[in-house]
Amino acid sequence: MKVPNIILSIIFIGMISCSLNKTETTPMSQASTVEFEEVNHVNVKLIDSEYRILKSQAEINSIYKVINQNNPLPRKNPIPSYDENESYIVIQPKIEKSDFSVSRILQTGQKLNIDIETFDNPEFKKKNNPASIIKINKSNSFEQLEIKTT
C-alpha cells in the first residue's frame, strides 16, 4: 500500500510544479500581433535614425516630398492622408547593400517589436537606404520601438 501512495505523491508534486511553471510569464508570451500595411517601400534616405513615427499630415507630406523628388518617373507616389485612428512609421534599418521586408510586428505593453527579414534585391545594390512606410491602427498605443533582423 505504501508504494502506490509514494507514486501518487510524486505525480501530485509533478502536477503542482507543472502548474507553477505555467503561471510564470515572460514578456514575449504577453506579446500580441499587430496588423500592419506597408504603404510604400523605397530606396531613398528619408530619416537619420532607424525609425520615425509620423504624427501629423505635415510630417507625412515632408517624407513624401523627399520620396517624390527622388522618383524619376512622371507619376508620383500618392500621399496618404493623416488619420488620428492610424499611425504611420518610417522604418529605415541600417543594413548594407540589401533590402528588407517587415515580417511581423509584436506589441508588448508600450513597446513595438518590428521583425524584418533582409534579402538581396538587384535594384537596391547601388544604394544603401531601403525604407518602408507602414501603417498600423492607432489603438495600438506604444512609446518604444525596436527593430530586429530575423
Protein backbone atom coordinates (compact mmCIF):
# COMPACT_ATOMS: atom_id res chain seq x y z
CA MET A 1 0.00 0.00 0.00
CA LYS A 2 2.84 2.41 0.65
CA VAL A 3 4.25 2.11 -2.85
CA PRO A 4 1.08 3.43 -4.53
CA ASN A 5 0.92 6.35 -2.07
CA ILE A 6 4.51 7.29 -2.95
CA ILE A 7 3.71 7.14 -6.67
CA LEU A 8 0.58 9.27 -6.13
CA SER A 9 2.65 11.77 -4.13
CA ILE A 10 5.23 12.02 -6.91
CA ILE A 11 2.51 12.52 -9.53
CA PHE A 12 0.81 15.16 -7.35
CA ILE A 13 4.10 17.07 -6.84
CA GLY A 14 4.79 16.87 -10.58
CA MET A 15 1.37 18.31 -11.38
CA ILE A 16 1.88 21.19 -8.94
CA SER A 17 5.31 22.04 -10.38
CA CYS A 18 3.90 21.97 -13.92
CA SER A 19 1.07 24.31 -12.98
CA LEU A 20 3.53 26.68 -11.28
CA ASN A 21 5.65 26.79 -14.43
CA LYS A 22 2.61 27.74 -16.48
CA THR A 23 1.88 30.78 -14.33
CA GLU A 24 5.32 32.28 -14.90
CA THR A 25 5.11 34.62 -17.86
CA THR A 26 7.82 36.10 -19.97
CA PRO A 27 7.40 39.43 -21.76
CA MET A 28 7.23 37.73 -25.18
CA SER A 29 4.40 35.44 -24.02
CA GLN A 30 2.33 38.58 -23.40
CA ALA A 31 3.08 39.95 -26.86
CA SER A 32 0.24 40.38 -29.30
CA THR A 33 0.50 40.51 -33.07
CA VAL A 34 -0.15 43.91 -34.62
CA GLU A 35 -1.74 44.10 -38.05
CA PHE A 36 0.07 46.44 -40.40
CA GLU A 37 0.13 47.54 -44.00
CA GLU A 38 3.18 48.57 -45.95
CA VAL A 39 2.17 51.82 -47.65
CA ASN A 40 5.40 52.48 -49.54
CA HIS A 41 8.84 50.93 -49.99
CA VAL A 42 11.69 52.97 -51.46
CA ASN A 43 15.46 53.18 -51.54
CA VAL A 44 15.94 56.79 -50.51
CA LYS A 45 17.39 58.20 -47.31
CA LEU A 46 14.32 59.54 -45.54
CA ILE A 47 15.40 59.85 -41.92
CA ASP A 48 18.59 59.95 -39.84
CA SER A 49 17.56 57.23 -37.38
CA GLU A 50 16.26 53.69 -37.86
CA TYR A 51 12.64 54.71 -37.41
CA ARG A 52 10.37 57.71 -37.10
CA ILE A 53 6.74 57.88 -36.07
CA LEU A 54 4.84 60.35 -38.24
CA LYS A 55 2.42 62.29 -36.06
CA SER A 56 0.84 64.79 -38.47
CA GLN A 57 -0.06 65.43 -42.08
CA ALA A 58 2.87 67.87 -42.30
CA GLU A 59 5.32 65.09 -41.36
CA ILE A 60 3.76 62.73 -43.92
CA ASN A 61 3.97 65.46 -46.58
CA SER A 62 7.63 66.08 -45.72
CA ILE A 63 8.54 62.40 -46.13
CA TYR A 64 6.63 62.10 -49.41
CA LYS A 65 8.23 65.25 -50.75
CA VAL A 66 11.62 63.52 -50.43
CA ILE A 67 10.23 60.32 -51.97
CA ASN A 68 8.71 62.12 -54.95
CA GLN A 69 11.79 64.29 -55.54
CA ASN A 70 13.80 61.09 -55.91
CA ASN A 71 11.28 59.41 -58.19
CA PRO A 72 12.41 59.80 -61.82
CA LEU A 73 9.05 58.70 -63.20
CA PRO A 74 6.44 61.29 -64.16
CA ARG A 75 3.83 59.57 -61.99
CA LYS A 76 4.47 60.41 -58.34
CA ASN A 77 3.59 58.42 -55.23
CA PRO A 78 0.21 59.28 -53.73
CA ILE A 79 0.45 60.91 -50.32
CA PRO A 80 -1.59 59.20 -47.60
CA SER A 81 -3.93 61.31 -45.50
CA TYR A 82 -3.24 61.60 -41.81
CA ASP A 83 -5.91 59.94 -39.71
CA GLU A 84 -6.00 60.07 -35.91
CA ASN A 85 -7.04 56.39 -35.87
CA GLU A 86 -3.82 55.28 -37.59
CA SER A 87 -0.08 55.58 -37.04
CA TYR A 88 2.49 55.86 -39.80
CA ILE A 89 6.01 54.69 -39.10
CA VAL A 90 9.04 55.12 -41.35
CA ILE A 91 11.47 52.23 -40.92
CA GLN A 92 14.97 52.61 -42.29
CA PRO A 93 17.19 49.95 -40.69
CA LYS A 94 20.94 50.18 -41.01
CA ILE A 95 21.61 47.35 -43.44
CA GLU A 96 24.15 47.38 -46.23
CA LYS A 97 23.61 46.60 -49.90
CA SER A 98 20.42 44.63 -49.35
CA ASP A 99 16.71 45.14 -48.99
CA PHE A 100 14.27 44.13 -46.28
CA SER A 101 10.66 43.30 -45.65
CA VAL A 102 8.68 43.59 -42.44
CA SER A 103 7.74 40.05 -41.42
CA ARG A 104 5.73 40.83 -38.29
CA ILE A 105 5.06 43.38 -35.60
CA LEU A 106 4.51 42.38 -31.99
CA GLN A 107 3.40 44.61 -29.15
CA THR A 108 4.43 44.00 -25.56
CA GLY A 109 2.96 46.63 -23.29
CA GLN A 110 4.06 50.02 -24.63
CA LYS A 111 6.76 48.54 -26.91
CA LEU A 112 6.53 47.57 -30.58
CA ASN A 113 8.94 44.91 -31.82
CA ILE A 114 9.28 45.05 -35.58
CA ASP A 115 10.84 41.95 -37.13
CA ILE A 116 12.45 42.41 -40.54
CA GLU A 117 13.97 39.93 -42.97
CA THR A 118 16.81 41.03 -45.22
CA PHE A 119 17.24 39.78 -48.77
CA ASP A 120 19.19 40.60 -51.89
CA ASN A 121 17.46 42.96 -54.28
CA PRO A 122 19.35 43.76 -57.52
CA GLU A 123 17.57 47.12 -57.75
CA PHE A 124 19.00 48.16 -54.39
CA LYS A 125 22.63 47.09 -54.91
CA LYS A 126 23.90 50.60 -55.68
CA LYS A 127 22.04 52.28 -52.82
CA ASN A 128 22.16 51.79 -49.07
CA ASN A 129 18.90 53.28 -47.86
CA PRO A 130 15.95 50.92 -48.14
CA ALA A 131 12.98 52.36 -46.28
CA SER A 132 9.45 51.23 -45.64
CA ILE A 133 6.46 53.25 -44.56
CA ILE A 134 3.98 51.16 -42.62
CA LYS A 135 0.55 51.95 -41.28
CA ILE A 136 -0.90 50.48 -38.10
CA ASN A 137 -4.11 51.02 -36.20
CA LYS A 138 -3.78 53.82 -33.63
CA SER A 139 -5.49 51.72 -30.97
CA ASN A 140 -2.07 50.14 -30.57
CA SER A 141 -0.54 52.75 -28.28
CA PHE A 142 3.21 52.47 -27.91
CA GLU A 143 6.09 54.54 -26.62
CA GLN A 144 9.09 52.43 -27.66
CA LEU A 145 10.02 50.71 -30.87
CA GLU A 146 12.69 48.11 -31.61
CA ILE A 147 13.70 46.71 -34.99
CA LYS A 148 15.09 43.17 -35.07
CA THR A 149 16.59 41.37 -38.05
CA THR A 150 15.45 37.76 -38.28
